[in-house]
PDB file of all heavy atoms in Angstrom:
ATOM      1  N   ASN A   1     226.892  52.896 125.321  1.00  0.00           N
ATOM      2  CA  ASN A   1     225.527  53.289 125.687  1.00  0.00           C
ATOM      3  C   ASN A   1     225.510  54.557 126.537  1.00  0.00           C
ATOM      4  O   ASN A   1     224.602  55.388 126.413  1.00  0.00           O
ATOM      5  CB  ASN A   1     224.831  52.147 126.435  1.00  0.00           C
ATOM      6  CG  ASN A   1     224.517  50.965 125.536  1.00  0.00           C
ATOM      7  OD1 ASN A   1     224.563  51.081 124.311  1.00  0.00           O
ATOM      8  ND2 ASN A   1     224.232  49.827 126.129  1.00  0.00           N
ATOM      9  N   ILE A   2     226.511  54.693 127.413  1.00  0.00           N
ATOM     10  CA  ILE A   2     226.597  55.912 128.238  1.00  0.00           C
ATOM     11  C   ILE A   2     226.793  57.131 127.339  1.00  0.00           C
ATOM     12  O   ILE A   2     226.151  58.174 127.514  1.00  0.00           O
ATOM     13  CB  ILE A   2     227.748  55.784 129.265  1.00  0.00           C
ATOM     14  CG1 ILE A   2     227.408  54.717 130.313  1.00  0.00           C
ATOM     15  CG2 ILE A   2     228.013  57.129 129.951  1.00  0.00           C
ATOM     16  CD1 ILE A   2     228.577  54.321 131.200  1.00  0.00           C
ATOM     17  N   TYR A   3     227.677  56.994 126.346  1.00  0.00           N
ATOM     18  CA  TYR A   3     227.885  58.088 125.389  1.00  0.00           C
ATOM     19  C   TYR A   3     226.609  58.374 124.601  1.00  0.00           C
ATOM     20  O   TYR A   3     226.254  59.533 124.355  1.00  0.00           O
ATOM     21  CB  TYR A   3     229.017  57.734 124.422  1.00  0.00           C
ATOM     22  CG  TYR A   3     230.405  57.881 124.995  1.00  0.00           C
ATOM     23  CD1 TYR A   3     231.403  56.939 124.722  1.00  0.00           C
ATOM     24  CD2 TYR A   3     230.743  58.971 125.790  1.00  0.00           C
ATOM     25  CE1 TYR A   3     232.687  57.071 125.224  1.00  0.00           C
ATOM     26  CE2 TYR A   3     232.029  59.115 126.308  1.00  0.00           C
ATOM     27  CZ  TYR A   3     232.991  58.162 126.024  1.00  0.00           C
ATOM     28  OH  TYR A   3     234.260  58.303 126.530  1.00  0.00           O
ATOM     29  N   ALA A   4     225.909  57.296 124.186  1.00  0.00           N
ATOM     30  CA  ALA A   4     224.686  57.462 123.394  1.00  0.00           C
ATOM     31  C   ALA A   4     223.614  58.202 124.186  1.00  0.00           C
ATOM     32  O   ALA A   4     222.945  59.100 123.670  1.00  0.00           O
ATOM     33  CB  ALA A   4     224.167  56.098 122.940  1.00  0.00           C
ATOM     34  N   ASN A   5     223.449  57.824 125.448  1.00  0.00           N
ATOM     35  CA  ASN A   5     222.447  58.497 126.294  1.00  0.00           C
ATOM     36  C   ASN A   5     222.776  59.969 126.501  1.00  0.00           C
ATOM     37  O   ASN A   5     221.886  60.788 126.726  1.00  0.00           O
ATOM     38  CB  ASN A   5     222.346  57.786 127.656  1.00  0.00           C
ATOM     39  CG  ASN A   5     221.569  56.486 127.573  1.00  0.00           C
ATOM     40  OD1 ASN A   5     220.572  56.401 126.868  1.00  0.00           O
ATOM     41  ND2 ASN A   5     222.036  55.473 128.279  1.00  0.00           N
ATOM     42  N   ALA A   6     224.071  60.303 126.418  1.00  0.00           N
ATOM     43  CA  ALA A   6     224.497  61.698 126.576  1.00  0.00           C
ATOM     44  C   ALA A   6     224.533  62.434 125.235  1.00  0.00           C
ATOM     45  O   ALA A   6     224.883  63.621 125.183  1.00  0.00           O
ATOM     46  CB  ALA A   6     225.870  61.750 127.240  1.00  0.00           C
ATOM     47  N   GLY A   7     224.202  61.713 124.152  1.00  0.00           N
ATOM     48  CA  GLY A   7     224.202  62.328 122.834  1.00  0.00           C
ATOM     49  C   GLY A   7     225.586  62.546 122.254  1.00  0.00           C
ATOM     50  O   GLY A   7     225.761  63.329 121.314  1.00  0.00           O
ATOM     51  N   LYS A   8     226.584  61.836 122.770  1.00  0.00           N
ATOM     52  CA  LYS A   8     227.971  62.001 122.289  1.00  0.00           C
ATOM     53  C   LYS A   8     228.241  60.941 121.217  1.00  0.00           C
ATOM     54  O   LYS A   8     228.949  59.944 121.450  1.00  0.00           O
ATOM     55  CB  LYS A   8     228.944  61.896 123.460  1.00  0.00           C
ATOM     56  CG  LYS A   8     228.655  62.921 124.570  1.00  0.00           C
ATOM     57  CD  LYS A   8     229.658  62.849 125.705  1.00  0.00           C
ATOM     58  CE  LYS A   8     230.987  63.428 125.303  1.00  0.00           C
ATOM     59  NZ  LYS A   8     231.911  63.597 126.449  1.00  0.00           N
ATOM     60  N   TRP A   9     227.678  61.167 120.027  1.00  0.00           N
ATOM     61  CA  TRP A   9     227.667  60.155 118.987  1.00  0.00           C
ATOM     62  C   TRP A   9     229.049  59.891 118.401  1.00  0.00           C
ATOM     63  O   TRP A   9     229.335  58.776 117.950  1.00  0.00           O
ATOM     64  CB  TRP A   9     226.670  60.543 117.895  1.00  0.00           C
ATOM     65  CG  TRP A   9     225.283  60.655 118.461  1.00  0.00           C
ATOM     66  CD1 TRP A   9     224.567  61.792 118.684  1.00  0.00           C
ATOM     67  CD2 TRP A   9     224.479  59.571 118.932  1.00  0.00           C
ATOM     68  NE1 TRP A   9     223.354  61.494 119.259  1.00  0.00           N
ATOM     69  CE2 TRP A   9     223.272  60.129 119.424  1.00  0.00           C
ATOM     70  CE3 TRP A   9     224.651  58.181 118.989  1.00  0.00           C
ATOM     71  CZ2 TRP A   9     222.251  59.364 119.950  1.00  0.00           C
ATOM     72  CZ3 TRP A   9     223.636  57.416 119.510  1.00  0.00           C
ATOM     73  CH2 TRP A   9     222.457  58.002 119.994  1.00  0.00           C
ATOM     74  N   LYS A  10     229.930  60.886 118.378  1.00  0.00           N
ATOM     75  CA  LYS A  10     231.289  60.659 117.889  1.00  0.00           C
ATOM     76  C   LYS A  10     232.028  59.671 118.784  1.00  0.00           C
ATOM     77  O   LYS A  10     232.781  58.813 118.314  1.00  0.00           O
ATOM     78  CB  LYS A  10     232.054  61.978 117.816  1.00  0.00           C
ATOM     79  CG  LYS A  10     231.603  62.899 116.678  1.00  0.00           C
ATOM     80  CD  LYS A  10     232.474  64.146 116.618  1.00  0.00           C
ATOM     81  CE  LYS A  10     232.020  65.052 115.466  1.00  0.00           C
ATOM     82  NZ  LYS A  10     232.849  66.295 115.392  1.00  0.00           N
ATOM     83  N   ASP A  11     231.797  59.817 120.098  1.00  0.00           N
ATOM     84  CA  ASP A  11     232.432  58.893 121.048  1.00  0.00           C
ATOM     85  C   ASP A  11     231.845  57.488 120.907  1.00  0.00           C
ATOM     86  O   ASP A  11     232.556  56.489 121.065  1.00  0.00           O
ATOM     87  CB  ASP A  11     232.257  59.394 122.478  1.00  0.00           C
ATOM     88  CG  ASP A  11     233.044  60.675 122.737  1.00  0.00           C
ATOM     89  OD1 ASP A  11     234.204  60.732 122.313  1.00  0.00           O
ATOM     90  OD2 ASP A  11     232.480  61.605 123.346  1.00  0.00           O
ATOM     91  N   VAL A  12     230.515  57.412 120.649  1.00  0.00           N
ATOM     92  CA  VAL A  12     229.876  56.114 120.417  1.00  0.00           C
ATOM     93  C   VAL A  12     230.552  55.419 119.237  1.00  0.00           C
ATOM     94  O   VAL A  12     230.936  54.241 119.310  1.00  0.00           O
ATOM     95  CB  VAL A  12     228.364  56.283 120.126  1.00  0.00           C
ATOM     96  CG1 VAL A  12     227.757  54.946 119.667  1.00  0.00           C
ATOM     97  CG2 VAL A  12     227.629  56.800 121.343  1.00  0.00           C
ATOM     98  N   ALA A  13     230.706  56.179 118.146  1.00  0.00           N
ATOM     99  CA  ALA A  13     231.312  55.618 116.936  1.00  0.00           C
ATOM    100  C   ALA A  13     232.751  55.172 117.195  1.00  0.00           C
ATOM    101  O   ALA A  13     233.189  54.124 116.699  1.00  0.00           O
ATOM    102  CB  ALA A  13     231.268  56.653 115.813  1.00  0.00           C
ATOM    103  N   ALA A  14     233.476  55.958 117.996  1.00  0.00           N
ATOM    104  CA  ALA A  14     234.872  55.614 118.296  1.00  0.00           C
ATOM    105  C   ALA A  14     234.970  54.306 119.067  1.00  0.00           C
ATOM    106  O   ALA A  14     235.827  53.455 118.784  1.00  0.00           O
ATOM    107  CB  ALA A  14     235.521  56.749 119.085  1.00  0.00           C
ATOM    108  N   VAL A  15     234.087  54.124 120.058  1.00  0.00           N
ATOM    109  CA  VAL A  15     234.099  52.893 120.857  1.00  0.00           C
ATOM    110  C   VAL A  15     233.760  51.694 119.985  1.00  0.00           C
ATOM    111  O   VAL A  15     234.433  50.656 120.028  1.00  0.00           O
ATOM    112  CB  VAL A  15     233.104  52.993 122.036  1.00  0.00           C
ATOM    113  CG1 VAL A  15     232.983  51.646 122.746  1.00  0.00           C
ATOM    114  CG2 VAL A  15     233.550  54.056 123.027  1.00  0.00           C
ATOM    115  N   ARG A  16     232.735  51.823 119.173  1.00  0.00           N
ATOM    116  CA  ARG A  16     232.304  50.696 118.347  1.00  0.00           C
ATOM    117  C   ARG A  16     233.324  50.386 117.254  1.00  0.00           C
ATOM    118  O   ARG A  16     233.525  49.221 116.894  1.00  0.00           O
ATOM    119  CB  ARG A  16     230.923  50.987 117.756  1.00  0.00           C
ATOM    120  CG  ARG A  16     229.880  51.211 118.846  1.00  0.00           C
ATOM    121  CD  ARG A  16     228.478  50.944 118.412  1.00  0.00           C
ATOM    122  NE  ARG A  16     227.559  51.088 119.547  1.00  0.00           N
ATOM    123  CZ  ARG A  16     226.304  50.686 119.536  1.00  0.00           C
ATOM    124  NH1 ARG A  16     225.798  50.127 118.468  1.00  0.00           N
ATOM    125  NH2 ARG A  16     225.541  50.850 120.596  1.00  0.00           N
ATOM    126  N   ARG A  17     233.989  51.420 116.744  1.00  0.00           N
ATOM    127  CA  ARG A  17     235.039  51.202 115.754  1.00  0.00           C
ATOM    128  C   ARG A  17     236.213  50.455 116.390  1.00  0.00           C
ATOM    129  O   ARG A  17     236.794  49.544 115.796  1.00  0.00           O
ATOM    130  CB  ARG A  17     235.500  52.546 115.181  1.00  0.00           C
ATOM    131  CG  ARG A  17     236.484  52.410 114.008  1.00  0.00           C
ATOM    132  CD  ARG A  17     236.649  53.718 113.244  1.00  0.00           C
ATOM    133  NE  ARG A  17     236.981  54.829 114.125  1.00  0.00           N
ATOM    134  CZ  ARG A  17     236.166  55.853 114.388  1.00  0.00           C
ATOM    135  NH1 ARG A  17     234.939  55.892 113.859  1.00  0.00           N
ATOM    136  NH2 ARG A  17     236.542  56.830 115.198  1.00  0.00           N
ATOM    137  N   SER A  18     236.522  50.846 117.625  1.00  0.00           N
ATOM    138  CA  SER A  18     237.591  50.165 118.361  1.00  0.00           C
ATOM    139  C   SER A  18     237.260  48.696 118.586  1.00  0.00           C
ATOM    140  O   SER A  18     238.128  47.822 118.467  1.00  0.00           O
ATOM    141  CB  SER A  18     237.819  50.866 119.705  1.00  0.00           C
ATOM    142  OG  SER A  18     238.727  50.147 120.502  1.00  0.00           O
ATOM    143  N   MET A  19     235.991  48.417 118.902  1.00  0.00           N
ATOM    144  CA  MET A  19     235.555  47.028 119.096  1.00  0.00           C
ATOM    145  C   MET A  19     235.701  46.231 117.808  1.00  0.00           C
ATOM    146  O   MET A  19     236.147  45.076 117.822  1.00  0.00           O
ATOM    147  CB  MET A  19     234.098  46.991 119.572  1.00  0.00           C
ATOM    148  CG  MET A  19     233.885  47.486 120.988  1.00  0.00           C
ATOM    149  SD  MET A  19     232.136  47.486 121.468  1.00  0.00           S
ATOM    150  CE  MET A  19     231.777  45.713 121.505  1.00  0.00           C
ATOM    151  N   THR A  20     235.350  46.861 116.694  1.00  0.00           N
ATOM    152  CA  THR A  20     235.466  46.181 115.395  1.00  0.00           C
ATOM    153  C   THR A  20     236.925  45.900 115.063  1.00  0.00           C
ATOM    154  O   THR A  20     237.285  44.795 114.627  1.00  0.00           O
ATOM    155  CB  THR A  20     234.829  47.048 114.290  1.00  0.00           C
ATOM    156  OG1 THR A  20     233.469  47.300 114.615  1.00  0.00           O
ATOM    157  CG2 THR A  20     234.914  46.340 112.938  1.00  0.00           C
ATOM    158  N   ASP A  21     237.786  46.900 115.279  1.00  0.00           N
ATOM    159  CA  ASP A  21     239.210  46.748 114.975  1.00  0.00           C
ATOM    160  C   ASP A  21     239.843  45.631 115.794  1.00  0.00           C
ATOM    161  O   ASP A  21     240.723  44.903 115.308  1.00  0.00           O
ATOM    162  CB  ASP A  21     239.956  48.065 115.223  1.00  0.00           C
ATOM    163  CG  ASP A  21     239.550  49.164 114.248  1.00  0.00           C
ATOM    164  OD1 ASP A  21     238.949  48.827 113.200  1.00  0.00           O
ATOM    165  OD2 ASP A  21     239.809  50.351 114.546  1.00  0.00           O
ATOM    166  N   ARG A  22     239.406  45.525 117.068  1.00  0.00           N
ATOM    167  CA  ARG A  22     239.988  44.508 117.952  1.00  0.00           C
ATOM    168  C   ARG A  22     239.183  43.205 117.946  1.00  0.00           C
ATOM    169  O   ARG A  22     239.433  42.301 118.733  1.00  0.00           O
ATOM    170  CB  ARG A  22     240.090  45.058 119.380  1.00  0.00           C
ATOM    171  CG  ARG A  22     241.167  46.119 119.531  1.00  0.00           C
ATOM    172  CD  ARG A  22     241.299  46.565 120.969  1.00  0.00           C
ATOM    173  NE  ARG A  22     240.155  47.355 121.420  1.00  0.00           N
ATOM    174  CZ  ARG A  22     239.789  47.499 122.694  1.00  0.00           C
ATOM    175  NH1 ARG A  22     240.464  46.886 123.642  1.00  0.00           N
ATOM    176  NH2 ARG A  22     238.756  48.243 123.016  1.00  0.00           N
ATOM    177  N   LYS A  23     238.194  43.149 117.055  1.00  0.00           N
ATOM    178  CA  LYS A  23     237.350  41.950 116.886  1.00  0.00           C
ATOM    179  C   LYS A  23     236.676  41.527 118.191  1.00  0.00           C
ATOM    180  O   LYS A  23     236.616  40.342 118.533  1.00  0.00           O
ATOM    181  CB  LYS A  23     238.183  40.797 116.316  1.00  0.00           C
ATOM    182  CG  LYS A  23     238.732  41.090 114.926  1.00  0.00           C
ATOM    183  CD  LYS A  23     239.549  39.931 114.394  1.00  0.00           C
ATOM    184  CE  LYS A  23     240.093  40.259 113.004  1.00  0.00           C
ATOM    185  NZ  LYS A  23     240.915  39.154 112.457  1.00  0.00           N
ATOM    186  N   ILE A  24     236.205  42.544 118.936  1.00  0.00           N
ATOM    187  CA  ILE A  24     235.468  42.280 120.177  1.00  0.00           C
ATOM    188  C   ILE A  24     233.989  42.168 119.833  1.00  0.00           C
ATOM    189  O   ILE A  24     233.404  43.099 119.283  1.00  0.00           O
ATOM    190  CB  ILE A  24     235.680  43.408 121.206  1.00  0.00           C
ATOM    191  CG1 ILE A  24     237.158  43.533 121.555  1.00  0.00           C
ATOM    192  CG2 ILE A  24     234.862  43.141 122.461  1.00  0.00           C
ATOM    193  CD1 ILE A  24     237.475  44.729 122.436  1.00  0.00           C
ATOM    194  N   LYS A  25     233.402  41.030 120.137  1.00  0.00           N
ATOM    195  CA  LYS A  25     231.991  40.814 119.800  1.00  0.00           C
ATOM    196  C   LYS A  25     231.113  40.981 121.033  1.00  0.00           C
ATOM    197  O   LYS A  25     231.461  40.533 122.127  1.00  0.00           O
ATOM    198  CB  LYS A  25     231.795  39.413 119.211  1.00  0.00           C
ATOM    199  CG  LYS A  25     232.456  39.243 117.852  1.00  0.00           C
ATOM    200  CD  LYS A  25     232.147  37.879 117.256  1.00  0.00           C
ATOM    201  CE  LYS A  25     232.773  37.735 115.876  1.00  0.00           C
ATOM    202  NZ  LYS A  25     232.478  36.404 115.280  1.00  0.00           N
ATOM    203  N   LYS A  26     229.980  41.616 120.835  1.00  0.00           N
ATOM    204  CA  LYS A  26     229.033  41.831 121.923  1.00  0.00           C
ATOM    205  C   LYS A  26     228.420  40.506 122.361  1.00  0.00           C
ATOM    206  O   LYS A  26     228.060  39.669 121.529  1.00  0.00           O
ATOM    207  CB  LYS A  26     227.928  42.789 121.453  1.00  0.00           C
ATOM    208  CG  LYS A  26     226.865  43.075 122.492  1.00  0.00           C
ATOM    209  CD  LYS A  26     225.799  43.999 121.933  1.00  0.00           C
ATOM    210  CE  LYS A  26     224.681  44.229 122.948  1.00  0.00           C
ATOM    211  NZ  LYS A  26     223.618  45.087 122.405  1.00  0.00           N
ATOM    212  N   GLU A  27     228.328  40.318 123.670  1.00  0.00           N
ATOM    213  CA  GLU A  27     227.697  39.109 124.208  1.00  0.00           C
ATOM    214  C   GLU A  27     226.216  39.118 123.837  1.00  0.00           C
ATOM    215  O   GLU A  27     225.498  40.077 124.127  1.00  0.00           O
ATOM    216  CB  GLU A  27     227.839  39.063 125.732  1.00  0.00           C
ATOM    217  CG  GLU A  27     227.193  37.835 126.361  1.00  0.00           C
ATOM    218  CD  GLU A  27     227.245  37.849 127.879  1.00  0.00           C
ATOM    219  OE1 GLU A  27     227.761  38.836 128.452  1.00  0.00           O
ATOM    220  OE2 GLU A  27     226.757  36.882 128.494  1.00  0.00           O
ATOM    221  N   PRO A  28     225.732  38.068 123.162  1.00  0.00           N
ATOM    222  CA  PRO A  28     224.319  38.073 122.760  1.00  0.00           C
ATOM    223  C   PRO A  28     223.392  37.949 123.959  1.00  0.00           C
ATOM    224  O   PRO A  28     223.644  37.152 124.873  1.00  0.00           O
ATOM    225  CB  PRO A  28     224.208  36.848 121.846  1.00  0.00           C
ATOM    226  CG  PRO A  28     225.318  35.942 122.276  1.00  0.00           C
ATOM    227  CD  PRO A  28     226.428  36.835 122.740  1.00  0.00           C
ATOM    228  N   GLY A  29     222.345  38.740 123.956  1.00  0.00           N
ATOM    229  CA  GLY A  29     221.349  38.632 125.015  1.00  0.00           C
ATOM    230  C   GLY A  29     220.367  37.520 124.700  1.00  0.00           C
ATOM    231  O   GLY A  29     219.933  37.368 123.555  1.00  0.00           O
ATOM    232  N   TRP A  30     220.040  36.708 125.689  1.00  0.00           N
ATOM    233  CA  TRP A  30     219.036  35.674 125.489  1.00  0.00           C
ATOM    234  C   TRP A  30     218.060  35.671 126.655  1.00  0.00           C
ATOM    235  O   TRP A  30     218.372  36.127 127.758  1.00  0.00           O
ATOM    236  CB  TRP A  30     219.659  34.288 125.311  1.00  0.00           C
ATOM    237  CG  TRP A  30     220.525  33.805 126.459  1.00  0.00           C
ATOM    238  CD1 TRP A  30     221.866  33.806 126.520  1.00  0.00           C
ATOM    239  CD2 TRP A  30     220.081  33.237 127.717  1.00  0.00           C
ATOM    240  NE1 TRP A  30     222.309  33.298 127.715  1.00  0.00           N
ATOM    241  CE2 TRP A  30     221.234  32.937 128.472  1.00  0.00           C
ATOM    242  CE3 TRP A  30     218.836  32.963 128.269  1.00  0.00           C
ATOM    243  CZ2 TRP A  30     221.168  32.377 129.742  1.00  0.00           C
ATOM    244  CZ3 TRP A  30     218.765  32.404 129.548  1.00  0.00           C
ATOM    245  CH2 TRP A  30     219.928  32.111 130.259  1.00  0.00           C
ATOM    246  N   SER A  31     216.874  35.191 126.389  1.00  0.00           N
ATOM    247  CA  SER A  31     215.857  35.037 127.433  1.00  0.00           C
ATOM    248  C   SER A  31     215.215  33.671 127.273  1.00  0.00           C
ATOM    249  O   SER A  31     215.059  33.180 126.149  1.00  0.00           O
ATOM    250  CB  SER A  31     214.786  36.130 127.327  1.00  0.00           C
ATOM    251  OG  SER A  31     215.337  37.398 127.584  1.00  0.00           O
ATOM    252  N   ALA A  32     214.866  33.050 128.393  1.00  0.00           N
ATOM    253  CA  ALA A  32     214.261  31.714 128.372  1.00  0.00           C
ATOM    254  C   ALA A  32     212.928  31.734 129.102  1.00  0.00           C
ATOM    255  O   ALA A  32     212.740  32.492 130.066  1.00  0.00           O
ATOM    256  CB  ALA A  32     215.201  30.700 129.020  1.00  0.00           C
ATOM    257  N   ILE A  33     212.013  30.897 128.625  1.00  0.00           N
ATOM    258  CA  ILE A  33     210.695  30.792 129.255  1.00  0.00           C
ATOM    259  C   ILE A  33     210.270  29.331 129.232  1.00  0.00           C
ATOM    260  O   ILE A  33     210.569  28.596 128.282  1.00  0.00           O
ATOM    261  CB  ILE A  33     209.661  31.685 128.522  1.00  0.00           C
ATOM    262  CG1 ILE A  33     208.297  31.627 129.239  1.00  0.00           C
ATOM    263  CG2 ILE A  33     209.533  31.311 127.054  1.00  0.00           C
ATOM    264  CD1 ILE A  33     207.292  32.642 128.714  1.00  0.00           C
ATOM    265  N   GLU A  34     209.598  28.895 130.280  1.00  0.00           N
ATOM    266  CA  GLU A  34     209.118  27.520 130.381  1.00  0.00           C
ATOM    267  C   GLU A  34     207.645  27.478 130.000  1.00  0.00           C
ATOM    268  O   GLU A  34     206.820  28.191 130.567  1.00  0.00           O
ATOM    269  CB  GLU A  34     209.306  26.992 131.806  1.00  0.00           C
ATOM    270  CG  GLU A  34     208.874  25.544 131.985  1.00  0.00           C
ATOM    271  CD  GLU A  34     208.942  25.088 133.438  1.00  0.00           C
ATOM    272  OE1 GLU A  34     208.772  25.944 134.334  1.00  0.00           O
ATOM    273  OE2 GLU A  34     209.150  23.894 133.671  1.00  0.00           O
ATOM    274  N   VAL A  35     207.318  26.658 129.008  1.00  0.00           N
ATOM    275  CA  VAL A  35     205.932  26.461 128.581  1.00  0.00           C
ATOM    276  C   VAL A  35     205.676  24.967 128.470  1.00  0.00           C
ATOM    277  O   VAL A  35     206.394  24.262 127.746  1.00  0.00           O
ATOM    278  CB  VAL A  35     205.646  27.157 127.226  1.00  0.00           C
ATOM    279  CG1 VAL A  35     204.227  26.840 126.755  1.00  0.00           C
ATOM    280  CG2 VAL A  35     205.840  28.660 127.339  1.00  0.00           C
ATOM    281  N   ASP A  36     204.684  24.472 129.187  1.00  0.00           N
ATOM    282  CA  ASP A  36     204.355  23.040 129.197  1.00  0.00           C
ATOM    283  C   ASP A  36     205.573  22.183 129.536  1.00  0.00           C
ATOM    284  O   ASP A  36     205.854  21.172 128.875  1.00  0.00           O
ATOM    285  CB  ASP A  36     203.768  22.611 127.845  1.00  0.00           C
ATOM    286  CG  ASP A  36     202.434  23.276 127.559  1.00  0.00           C
ATOM    287  OD1 ASP A  36     201.705  23.580 128.529  1.00  0.00           O
ATOM    288  OD2 ASP A  36     202.134  23.523 126.381  1.00  0.00           O
ATOM    289  N   LYS A  37     206.322  22.657 130.539  1.00  0.00           N
ATOM    290  CA  LYS A  37     207.485  21.937 131.076  1.00  0.00           C
ATOM    291  C   LYS A  37     208.632  21.793 130.070  1.00  0.00           C
ATOM    292  O   LYS A  37     209.513  20.948 130.216  1.00  0.00           O
ATOM    293  CB  LYS A  37     207.079  20.560 131.606  1.00  0.00           C
ATOM    294  CG  LYS A  37     205.998  20.621 132.674  1.00  0.00           C
ATOM    295  CD  LYS A  37     205.534  19.254 133.089  1.00  0.00           C
ATOM    296  CE  LYS A  37     204.338  19.340 134.017  1.00  0.00           C
ATOM    297  NZ  LYS A  37     203.154  19.890 133.364  1.00  0.00           N
ATOM    298  N   VAL A  38     208.619  22.633 129.038  1.00  0.00           N
ATOM    299  CA  VAL A  38     209.704  22.678 128.055  1.00  0.00           C
ATOM    300  C   VAL A  38     210.292  24.076 128.069  1.00  0.00           C
ATOM    301  O   VAL A  38     209.561  25.072 128.113  1.00  0.00           O
ATOM    302  CB  VAL A  38     209.193  22.337 126.631  1.00  0.00           C
ATOM    303  CG1 VAL A  38     210.323  22.473 125.612  1.00  0.00           C
ATOM    304  CG2 VAL A  38     208.624  20.926 126.596  1.00  0.00           C
ATOM    305  N   MET A  39     211.642  24.169 128.055  1.00  0.00           N
ATOM    306  CA  MET A  39     212.301  25.464 128.065  1.00  0.00           C
ATOM    307  C   MET A  39     212.524  25.957 126.632  1.00  0.00           C
ATOM    308  O   MET A  39     213.004  25.206 125.784  1.00  0.00           O
ATOM    309  CB  MET A  39     213.654  25.373 128.781  1.00  0.00           C
ATOM    310  CG  MET A  39     213.580  24.997 130.245  1.00  0.00           C
ATOM    311  SD  MET A  39     212.569  26.107 131.254  1.00  0.00           S
ATOM    312  CE  MET A  39     213.420  27.669 131.029  1.00  0.00           C
ATOM    313  N   TYR A  40     212.139  27.203 126.369  1.00  0.00           N
ATOM    314  CA  TYR A  40     212.358  27.842 125.070  1.00  0.00           C
ATOM    315  C   TYR A  40     213.268  29.045 125.283  1.00  0.00           C
ATOM    316  O   TYR A  40     213.045  29.844 126.190  1.00  0.00           O
ATOM    317  CB  TYR A  40     211.037  28.309 124.453  1.00  0.00           C
ATOM    318  CG  TYR A  40     210.072  27.194 124.107  1.00  0.00           C
ATOM    319  CD1 TYR A  40     209.200  26.670 125.069  1.00  0.00           C
ATOM    320  CD2 TYR A  40     210.033  26.656 122.820  1.00  0.00           C
ATOM    321  CE1 TYR A  40     208.314  25.651 124.755  1.00  0.00           C
ATOM    322  CE2 TYR A  40     209.149  25.632 122.492  1.00  0.00           C
ATOM    323  CZ  TYR A  40     208.287  25.137 123.464  1.00  0.00           C
ATOM    324  OH  TYR A  40     207.415  24.124 123.152  1.00  0.00           O
TER     325      TYR A  40
END
């Protein structure tokens, strides 16, 4: 993301390719909300 914000797209691709090669998976983001005393 730091590379992307700086517009260094080749470096972005290199990092993501490295993650794929090493089978590193991004931690999924989740959000929870309580409605009628039930968590979603």
